[in-house]
Amino acid sequence: MSQNPMIIAIDGPAGAGKSTVTRQVAKTLGILFLDTGAMYRAATVGLYDAGINPDDAEAIAAYVCERDISFDSTGQVLLDGVGLGERIRTPEITAEIWRVANNPGCRGHLVDLQQAIVRGRDAALEGRDATTVICPNAGLKVYLDASPEERARRRVAEWGDMDDAPSIEQVAADIRKRDESDMNREVGALQQAPDAVHCITDGMSPQAVIAKIIAWAVKRRPLLLDSVYADQLLVGRSREPGYVKVAQGSVSNPPAPWQLGFTNPTPQRLPGQVTHYARNAGGRQAGVLCQGRAVIVLAGTEDTPTLPIALPMLPQTWYVIEEGVWHAVVQESGTICAWAEASGLTEDAYELDDCAREVVNTYLSVYQPEDS
């Protein structure tokens, strides 16, 4: 039976990092990223070029509703088939977007286009009404949030050492005014959907925020990561034994005898105590969750580990870790896994850096919550 497409819809106040996070979530999962803001910007460019009276709301709606706004294969926004490049990011266009965004006729047309783009596809999108209007039936809705002070700190940091940069307090005050305005708009007002997950990002790195959203998505769609880790992990789902045979198929020549054992959590495998990745040589490892909860962390096949991605082990499922993959297995107390491996298998170790530890612990906070 085919599953419905996985739609990850993200909204929240200005400056919360929605665009950056949503784009990276889509890239990590290998799914469509829909930049709804780029579509409003493209419509604004069209208004500017067509010489439409900026104070004539009816003329603006009439013009925009006749436009086809889409994206090419590189993600560039197209207005009636013509790429606009970075024109959509100029200060002049940014200052005029509200004329489209606050126009009911324009929003209705653009929402129709946005819904058509994601229909029948796995996708991640962000926008002020992504969870409430564009994709009210999204599989995962996230209200990405941060305090005005946190958003102000991030914005001031982006400006660097500008002599005339405003203070954090001034920027935070402006953000509060913007929030109030966005929440009280007559059209496209910002609001948190009742079934959206509220993600407060104060003190979190972007990588950790991305990890949390991916983990929430995987909790809702356990097979979502299958294509992402296909070169690192072979997953089989069966009620029948036989995972050892699957692993045995790629043992280095000459074939080494197999050993099968059960593992209880060691201090280095417990949540919050994982400090190193392992990388195998001489064959694959195959594991099955027998009791409890365990998470596999994968970090690629490069000379040094890449940013980790994690998935929970499921019952009645075997996992074969490919040779040369940086990985770690995290088991809660009381968890038992059965592992098969070649007796001649060797292992390298690599220490997790601070960023990787934060990301791993973020995945675990979703997959192995303390209060469950």
Foldseek 3Di string as FASTA:
>chain_A
DDDFAAEEEEEAAPLLCQVVLLVVLCVLLVFAEDELLLQLLVLLVVCVVVVPDLVDLVSSLVVLLPWDWDADPVGFIDINRHGDPCPSVDPVSVVSSCSQQQRVSNVVSSLVNLLVVCHRTHYYYYDQCRCPRSCVPHLAYAHRAEQLLQSLVVVQVVVPPDPPDDDSVVSSVVSVVRLVCQQPRPGSRHDDDPPHHYHYCVPHDSLLVSLLSVLVSCVSPVCSCCVSCVVFKDKDADLDDDQLVVFQVPFDPPRFDKDKDKDFDDQCQAQPNPWKWKAKDRTKKKKAWDDAWKKKWWFAQDPDGHQIHMHIHDHRMMMIGGHRITMGMHGHGPTMMMMMDGPPMDMDMDTDDPNSSSNVNSSCCSRPNPVD
